[in-house]
N, C-alpha and C. Protein backbone atom coordinates (compact mmCIF):
# COMPACT_ATOMS: atom_id res chain seq x y z
N MET A 1 24.92 -92.01 -77.54
CA MET A 1 26.27 -92.51 -77.51
C MET A 1 27.12 -91.72 -78.50
N ASP A 2 28.38 -91.55 -78.14
CA ASP A 2 29.25 -90.86 -79.07
C ASP A 2 29.88 -91.86 -80.03
N SER A 3 30.81 -91.39 -80.82
CA SER A 3 31.35 -92.21 -81.91
C SER A 3 32.07 -93.48 -81.44
N ASP A 4 32.57 -93.50 -80.22
CA ASP A 4 33.25 -94.72 -79.77
C ASP A 4 32.31 -95.60 -78.93
N ASN A 5 31.02 -95.37 -79.04
CA ASN A 5 29.98 -96.14 -78.35
C ASN A 5 29.96 -95.96 -76.84
N THR A 6 30.62 -94.93 -76.34
CA THR A 6 30.54 -94.59 -74.93
C THR A 6 29.30 -93.72 -74.74
N PRO A 7 28.45 -94.04 -73.77
CA PRO A 7 27.28 -93.20 -73.53
C PRO A 7 27.67 -91.74 -73.30
N ALA A 8 26.75 -90.84 -73.62
CA ALA A 8 27.02 -89.40 -73.55
C ALA A 8 27.28 -88.92 -72.13
N THR A 9 26.69 -89.57 -71.14
CA THR A 9 26.90 -89.18 -69.74
C THR A 9 27.22 -90.42 -68.91
N ALA A 10 27.89 -90.19 -67.80
CA ALA A 10 28.14 -91.29 -66.86
C ALA A 10 26.82 -91.82 -66.32
N PHE A 11 25.82 -90.95 -66.19
CA PHE A 11 24.50 -91.36 -65.72
C PHE A 11 23.92 -92.42 -66.65
N ALA A 12 24.00 -92.17 -67.95
CA ALA A 12 23.51 -93.15 -68.93
C ALA A 12 24.36 -94.41 -68.89
N TRP A 13 25.67 -94.25 -68.73
CA TRP A 13 26.59 -95.38 -68.70
C TRP A 13 26.32 -96.28 -67.49
N VAL A 14 26.02 -95.66 -66.35
CA VAL A 14 25.68 -96.43 -65.15
C VAL A 14 24.39 -97.23 -65.38
N GLY A 15 23.44 -96.61 -66.08
CA GLY A 15 22.18 -97.29 -66.35
C GLY A 15 20.95 -96.54 -65.86
N GLY A 16 21.10 -95.26 -65.54
CA GLY A 16 19.96 -94.44 -65.14
C GLY A 16 19.65 -94.51 -63.66
N GLU A 17 18.50 -93.95 -63.31
CA GLU A 17 18.13 -93.80 -61.89
C GLU A 17 18.08 -95.11 -61.13
N ALA A 18 17.49 -96.14 -61.71
CA ALA A 18 17.37 -97.41 -60.99
C ALA A 18 18.75 -97.97 -60.67
N ALA A 19 19.69 -97.84 -61.60
CA ALA A 19 21.05 -98.34 -61.37
C ALA A 19 21.79 -97.49 -60.34
N VAL A 20 21.58 -96.18 -60.35
CA VAL A 20 22.20 -95.31 -59.34
C VAL A 20 21.65 -95.67 -57.97
N ARG A 21 20.35 -95.89 -57.87
CA ARG A 21 19.74 -96.29 -56.58
C ARG A 21 20.33 -97.61 -56.10
N ARG A 22 20.47 -98.56 -56.99
CA ARG A 22 21.05 -99.86 -56.65
C ARG A 22 22.49 -99.69 -56.15
N LEU A 23 23.26 -98.86 -56.82
CA LEU A 23 24.64 -98.59 -56.42
C LEU A 23 24.70 -97.96 -55.02
N VAL A 24 23.90 -96.95 -54.80
CA VAL A 24 23.88 -96.27 -53.50
C VAL A 24 23.43 -97.22 -52.39
N ASP A 25 22.40 -98.01 -52.67
CA ASP A 25 21.94 -98.96 -51.66
C ASP A 25 23.02 -99.98 -51.33
N ARG A 26 23.73 -100.46 -52.34
CA ARG A 26 24.80 -101.43 -52.08
C ARG A 26 25.93 -100.77 -51.30
N PHE A 27 26.26 -99.53 -51.62
CA PHE A 27 27.29 -98.78 -50.89
C PHE A 27 26.95 -98.73 -49.40
N TYR A 28 25.74 -98.34 -49.07
CA TYR A 28 25.37 -98.23 -47.65
C TYR A 28 25.19 -99.59 -46.99
N ASP A 29 24.74 -100.59 -47.75
CA ASP A 29 24.66 -101.94 -47.19
C ASP A 29 26.06 -102.43 -46.81
N LEU A 30 27.03 -102.21 -47.71
CA LEU A 30 28.41 -102.62 -47.43
C LEU A 30 28.97 -101.88 -46.22
N MET A 31 28.64 -100.61 -46.11
CA MET A 31 29.12 -99.82 -44.98
C MET A 31 28.64 -100.43 -43.67
N ASP A 32 27.43 -100.96 -43.68
CA ASP A 32 26.86 -101.61 -42.49
C ASP A 32 27.45 -103.00 -42.26
N LEU A 33 27.78 -103.71 -43.33
CA LEU A 33 28.16 -105.11 -43.23
C LEU A 33 29.64 -105.38 -43.06
N GLU A 34 30.48 -104.58 -43.69
CA GLU A 34 31.91 -104.88 -43.77
C GLU A 34 32.69 -104.21 -42.64
N PRO A 35 33.39 -105.00 -41.82
CA PRO A 35 34.19 -104.42 -40.74
C PRO A 35 35.25 -103.43 -41.23
N GLY A 36 35.72 -103.58 -42.44
CA GLY A 36 36.74 -102.69 -42.98
C GLY A 36 36.25 -101.27 -43.21
N TYR A 37 34.94 -101.06 -43.10
CA TYR A 37 34.37 -99.73 -43.28
C TYR A 37 33.81 -99.16 -41.97
N ALA A 38 34.30 -99.68 -40.85
CA ALA A 38 33.77 -99.30 -39.54
C ALA A 38 33.92 -97.81 -39.25
N GLN A 39 35.07 -97.22 -39.59
CA GLN A 39 35.25 -95.79 -39.33
C GLN A 39 34.30 -94.96 -40.20
N LEU A 40 34.11 -95.38 -41.40
CA LEU A 40 33.17 -94.70 -42.29
C LEU A 40 31.75 -94.80 -41.74
N ARG A 41 31.37 -95.97 -41.28
CA ARG A 41 30.02 -96.16 -40.72
C ARG A 41 29.85 -95.32 -39.47
N ALA A 42 30.89 -95.21 -38.66
CA ALA A 42 30.81 -94.43 -37.42
C ALA A 42 30.55 -92.95 -37.70
N ALA A 43 30.93 -92.49 -38.87
CA ALA A 43 30.68 -91.09 -39.25
C ALA A 43 29.23 -90.86 -39.63
N HIS A 44 28.43 -91.94 -39.68
CA HIS A 44 27.01 -91.86 -40.04
C HIS A 44 26.19 -92.45 -38.90
N PRO A 45 26.13 -91.76 -37.74
CA PRO A 45 25.40 -92.33 -36.61
C PRO A 45 23.91 -92.49 -36.93
N GLY A 46 23.34 -93.52 -36.34
CA GLY A 46 21.90 -93.76 -36.54
C GLY A 46 21.63 -94.44 -37.87
N GLY A 47 20.41 -94.25 -38.34
CA GLY A 47 19.98 -94.87 -39.58
C GLY A 47 20.60 -94.21 -40.80
N LEU A 48 20.52 -94.90 -41.91
CA LEU A 48 21.16 -94.43 -43.13
C LEU A 48 20.17 -93.98 -44.21
N ASP A 49 18.88 -93.98 -43.91
CA ASP A 49 17.89 -93.66 -44.94
C ASP A 49 18.08 -92.27 -45.53
N SER A 50 18.31 -91.28 -44.70
CA SER A 50 18.50 -89.92 -45.19
C SER A 50 19.78 -89.82 -46.03
N ALA A 51 20.85 -90.45 -45.55
CA ALA A 51 22.11 -90.43 -46.29
C ALA A 51 21.96 -91.14 -47.63
N ARG A 52 21.22 -92.25 -47.66
CA ARG A 52 20.98 -92.96 -48.92
C ARG A 52 20.29 -92.04 -49.93
N ASP A 53 19.25 -91.38 -49.48
CA ASP A 53 18.51 -90.50 -50.40
C ASP A 53 19.38 -89.36 -50.89
N LYS A 54 20.11 -88.73 -49.98
CA LYS A 54 20.94 -87.58 -50.38
C LYS A 54 22.03 -87.98 -51.36
N LEU A 55 22.68 -89.12 -51.11
CA LEU A 55 23.72 -89.55 -52.04
C LEU A 55 23.10 -89.92 -53.39
N PHE A 56 21.97 -90.58 -53.37
CA PHE A 56 21.27 -90.92 -54.63
C PHE A 56 20.94 -89.66 -55.41
N TRP A 57 20.33 -88.69 -54.74
CA TRP A 57 19.95 -87.44 -55.42
C TRP A 57 21.19 -86.74 -55.96
N PHE A 58 22.24 -86.68 -55.14
CA PHE A 58 23.47 -86.02 -55.56
C PHE A 58 24.10 -86.72 -56.76
N LEU A 59 24.28 -88.05 -56.65
CA LEU A 59 24.96 -88.77 -57.72
C LEU A 59 24.20 -88.71 -59.05
N CYS A 60 22.87 -88.70 -58.99
CA CYS A 60 22.12 -88.57 -60.24
C CYS A 60 22.58 -87.33 -61.01
N GLY A 61 22.64 -86.21 -60.34
CA GLY A 61 23.05 -84.97 -61.00
C GLY A 61 24.53 -84.94 -61.32
N TRP A 62 25.35 -85.40 -60.39
CA TRP A 62 26.80 -85.39 -60.58
C TRP A 62 27.21 -86.25 -61.77
N LEU A 63 26.47 -87.32 -62.01
CA LEU A 63 26.75 -88.21 -63.13
C LEU A 63 26.18 -87.71 -64.46
N GLY A 64 25.43 -86.62 -64.41
CA GLY A 64 24.89 -86.05 -65.64
C GLY A 64 23.41 -86.29 -65.85
N GLY A 65 22.74 -86.79 -64.83
CA GLY A 65 21.30 -87.02 -64.91
C GLY A 65 20.52 -85.90 -64.24
N PRO A 66 19.33 -86.20 -63.77
CA PRO A 66 18.48 -85.18 -63.15
C PRO A 66 19.13 -84.58 -61.90
N ASP A 67 18.91 -83.27 -61.71
CA ASP A 67 19.50 -82.54 -60.57
C ASP A 67 18.59 -82.60 -59.34
N HIS A 68 18.27 -83.80 -58.90
CA HIS A 68 17.36 -83.97 -57.75
C HIS A 68 17.89 -83.26 -56.50
N TYR A 69 19.18 -83.36 -56.25
CA TYR A 69 19.75 -82.76 -55.04
C TYR A 69 19.62 -81.25 -55.09
N ILE A 70 20.03 -80.65 -56.19
CA ILE A 70 19.99 -79.19 -56.32
C ILE A 70 18.55 -78.68 -56.23
N GLU A 71 17.62 -79.41 -56.80
CA GLU A 71 16.21 -79.02 -56.72
C GLU A 71 15.73 -78.98 -55.27
N ARG A 72 16.25 -79.86 -54.43
CA ARG A 72 15.81 -79.93 -53.03
C ARG A 72 16.60 -79.02 -52.10
N PHE A 73 17.91 -78.92 -52.33
CA PHE A 73 18.78 -78.26 -51.36
C PHE A 73 19.63 -77.13 -51.90
N GLY A 74 19.61 -76.91 -53.19
CA GLY A 74 20.49 -75.92 -53.78
C GLY A 74 21.85 -76.51 -54.06
N HIS A 75 22.84 -75.64 -54.26
CA HIS A 75 24.20 -76.09 -54.58
C HIS A 75 24.68 -77.07 -53.52
N PRO A 76 25.33 -78.16 -53.91
CA PRO A 76 25.76 -79.17 -52.94
C PRO A 76 26.73 -78.68 -51.86
N ARG A 77 27.61 -77.71 -52.20
CA ARG A 77 28.58 -77.22 -51.21
C ARG A 77 29.17 -78.39 -50.41
N LEU A 78 29.70 -79.36 -51.13
CA LEU A 78 30.15 -80.61 -50.50
C LEU A 78 31.10 -80.40 -49.33
N ARG A 79 32.11 -79.61 -49.53
CA ARG A 79 33.10 -79.43 -48.45
C ARG A 79 32.46 -78.79 -47.23
N ALA A 80 31.68 -77.75 -47.44
CA ALA A 80 31.04 -77.07 -46.31
C ALA A 80 30.07 -78.00 -45.57
N ARG A 81 29.32 -78.79 -46.31
CA ARG A 81 28.36 -79.70 -45.68
C ARG A 81 29.03 -80.84 -44.92
N HIS A 82 30.27 -81.15 -45.27
CA HIS A 82 30.98 -82.25 -44.61
C HIS A 82 31.94 -81.77 -43.52
N MET A 83 32.10 -80.47 -43.36
CA MET A 83 33.03 -79.94 -42.35
C MET A 83 32.74 -80.42 -40.93
N PRO A 84 31.47 -80.60 -40.54
CA PRO A 84 31.24 -81.06 -39.16
C PRO A 84 31.74 -82.47 -38.87
N PHE A 85 32.09 -83.21 -39.91
CA PHE A 85 32.50 -84.60 -39.75
C PHE A 85 34.02 -84.73 -39.89
N LYS A 86 34.60 -85.57 -39.06
CA LYS A 86 36.03 -85.83 -39.11
C LYS A 86 36.31 -86.68 -40.35
N ILE A 87 37.02 -86.10 -41.31
CA ILE A 87 37.35 -86.83 -42.53
C ILE A 87 38.86 -86.75 -42.72
N GLY A 88 39.49 -87.88 -42.48
CA GLY A 88 40.93 -88.00 -42.66
C GLY A 88 41.23 -89.00 -43.76
N ILE A 89 42.46 -89.43 -43.79
CA ILE A 89 42.89 -90.38 -44.82
C ILE A 89 42.12 -91.70 -44.70
N ALA A 90 41.94 -92.19 -43.48
CA ALA A 90 41.23 -93.47 -43.29
C ALA A 90 39.80 -93.37 -43.79
N GLU A 91 39.11 -92.29 -43.44
CA GLU A 91 37.71 -92.13 -43.87
C GLU A 91 37.64 -91.99 -45.39
N ARG A 92 38.57 -91.21 -45.95
CA ARG A 92 38.62 -91.04 -47.41
C ARG A 92 38.81 -92.40 -48.08
N ASP A 93 39.79 -93.13 -47.62
CA ASP A 93 40.11 -94.42 -48.25
C ASP A 93 38.97 -95.42 -48.08
N GLN A 94 38.33 -95.42 -46.92
CA GLN A 94 37.21 -96.34 -46.72
C GLN A 94 36.03 -95.96 -47.61
N TRP A 95 35.76 -94.67 -47.77
CA TRP A 95 34.65 -94.24 -48.63
C TRP A 95 34.90 -94.71 -50.07
N VAL A 96 36.10 -94.45 -50.56
CA VAL A 96 36.43 -94.81 -51.94
C VAL A 96 36.42 -96.33 -52.11
N ALA A 97 36.97 -97.06 -51.15
CA ALA A 97 36.99 -98.52 -51.24
C ALA A 97 35.57 -99.10 -51.20
N CYS A 98 34.75 -98.55 -50.34
CA CYS A 98 33.36 -99.01 -50.24
C CYS A 98 32.62 -98.76 -51.55
N MET A 99 32.81 -97.58 -52.13
CA MET A 99 32.16 -97.27 -53.40
C MET A 99 32.71 -98.15 -54.51
N ALA A 100 34.01 -98.38 -54.52
CA ALA A 100 34.61 -99.26 -55.53
C ALA A 100 34.04 -100.67 -55.43
N GLN A 101 33.88 -101.16 -54.22
CA GLN A 101 33.30 -102.49 -54.02
C GLN A 101 31.85 -102.50 -54.49
N ALA A 102 31.11 -101.46 -54.17
CA ALA A 102 29.71 -101.38 -54.60
C ALA A 102 29.62 -101.35 -56.13
N MET A 103 30.49 -100.56 -56.77
CA MET A 103 30.47 -100.50 -58.24
C MET A 103 30.78 -101.86 -58.85
N ALA A 104 31.77 -102.56 -58.28
CA ALA A 104 32.13 -103.89 -58.79
C ALA A 104 30.97 -104.87 -58.60
N GLU A 105 30.37 -104.86 -57.41
CA GLU A 105 29.27 -105.78 -57.14
C GLU A 105 28.03 -105.47 -57.97
N CYS A 106 27.86 -104.21 -58.34
CA CYS A 106 26.74 -103.83 -59.22
C CYS A 106 27.10 -104.03 -60.70
N GLU A 107 28.30 -104.52 -60.94
CA GLU A 107 28.78 -104.87 -62.28
C GLU A 107 28.75 -103.70 -63.26
N LEU A 108 29.18 -102.52 -62.78
CA LEU A 108 29.36 -101.40 -63.69
C LEU A 108 30.50 -101.74 -64.64
N ASP A 109 30.46 -101.18 -65.82
CA ASP A 109 31.51 -101.37 -66.81
C ASP A 109 32.86 -101.07 -66.15
N PRO A 110 33.85 -101.95 -66.30
CA PRO A 110 35.16 -101.71 -65.68
C PRO A 110 35.80 -100.37 -66.05
N ALA A 111 35.63 -99.94 -67.29
CA ALA A 111 36.20 -98.64 -67.69
C ALA A 111 35.51 -97.51 -66.95
N LEU A 112 34.21 -97.62 -66.76
CA LEU A 112 33.47 -96.62 -66.00
C LEU A 112 33.90 -96.65 -64.54
N GLN A 113 34.04 -97.84 -63.98
CA GLN A 113 34.50 -97.96 -62.59
C GLN A 113 35.83 -97.24 -62.40
N GLN A 114 36.75 -97.43 -63.34
CA GLN A 114 38.05 -96.78 -63.22
C GLN A 114 37.92 -95.26 -63.25
N ARG A 115 37.14 -94.75 -64.20
CA ARG A 115 36.96 -93.29 -64.30
C ARG A 115 36.30 -92.73 -63.05
N LEU A 116 35.25 -93.41 -62.58
CA LEU A 116 34.54 -92.91 -61.40
C LEU A 116 35.42 -93.00 -60.16
N THR A 117 36.18 -94.07 -60.02
CA THR A 117 37.05 -94.20 -58.85
C THR A 117 38.07 -93.05 -58.82
N GLU A 118 38.62 -92.70 -59.96
CA GLU A 118 39.54 -91.56 -60.01
C GLU A 118 38.84 -90.27 -59.59
N SER A 119 37.65 -90.05 -60.08
CA SER A 119 36.90 -88.84 -59.71
C SER A 119 36.51 -88.85 -58.24
N PHE A 120 36.04 -90.01 -57.76
CA PHE A 120 35.66 -90.12 -56.35
C PHE A 120 36.87 -89.87 -55.45
N MET A 121 38.03 -90.39 -55.83
CA MET A 121 39.22 -90.19 -55.00
C MET A 121 39.60 -88.71 -54.95
N GLY A 122 39.54 -88.04 -56.06
CA GLY A 122 39.84 -86.61 -56.07
C GLY A 122 38.90 -85.82 -55.18
N THR A 123 37.62 -86.12 -55.28
CA THR A 123 36.63 -85.44 -54.46
C THR A 123 36.80 -85.81 -52.98
N ALA A 124 36.97 -87.08 -52.71
CA ALA A 124 37.12 -87.53 -51.32
C ALA A 124 38.38 -86.94 -50.68
N ASP A 125 39.44 -86.81 -51.46
CA ASP A 125 40.65 -86.22 -50.92
C ASP A 125 40.45 -84.74 -50.60
N TRP A 126 39.70 -84.07 -51.46
CA TRP A 126 39.38 -82.65 -51.26
C TRP A 126 38.51 -82.44 -50.02
N MET A 127 37.75 -83.46 -49.63
CA MET A 127 36.87 -83.36 -48.46
C MET A 127 37.61 -83.52 -47.14
N ARG A 128 38.85 -84.00 -47.19
CA ARG A 128 39.60 -84.20 -45.96
C ARG A 128 39.71 -82.89 -45.18
N ASN A 129 39.51 -83.00 -43.86
CA ASN A 129 39.60 -81.81 -43.02
C ASN A 129 40.47 -82.04 -41.79
N ILE A 130 41.11 -83.18 -41.73
CA ILE A 130 42.08 -83.44 -40.63
C ILE A 130 43.33 -84.04 -41.24
């Protein structure tokens, strides 16, 4: 922790791998359960197991923890990997809202939720391709 008692990384602040897994699982559970995320769910045809693992691996490294994703697949190349999928304003907003709901339900620190939501929105907006 640094001098203001904020953990050194967002990964530590979230609570480590088990907490990241819980967050990702809640995100995908909500995507399946909540009608407000229907367009987002439609962008993930079939089962979600592979997507769950990839997001978990990615977020661990992105948050400052182990680079599981890079070890398996190399550089994330997020925009290139998402180009085959239609990502517009609705999909962006649903992704961010779903993640915000998952973070709230997993009871992440409100200050961390705010910081992550800002980062997620910037990244999600950059992913738009329509």
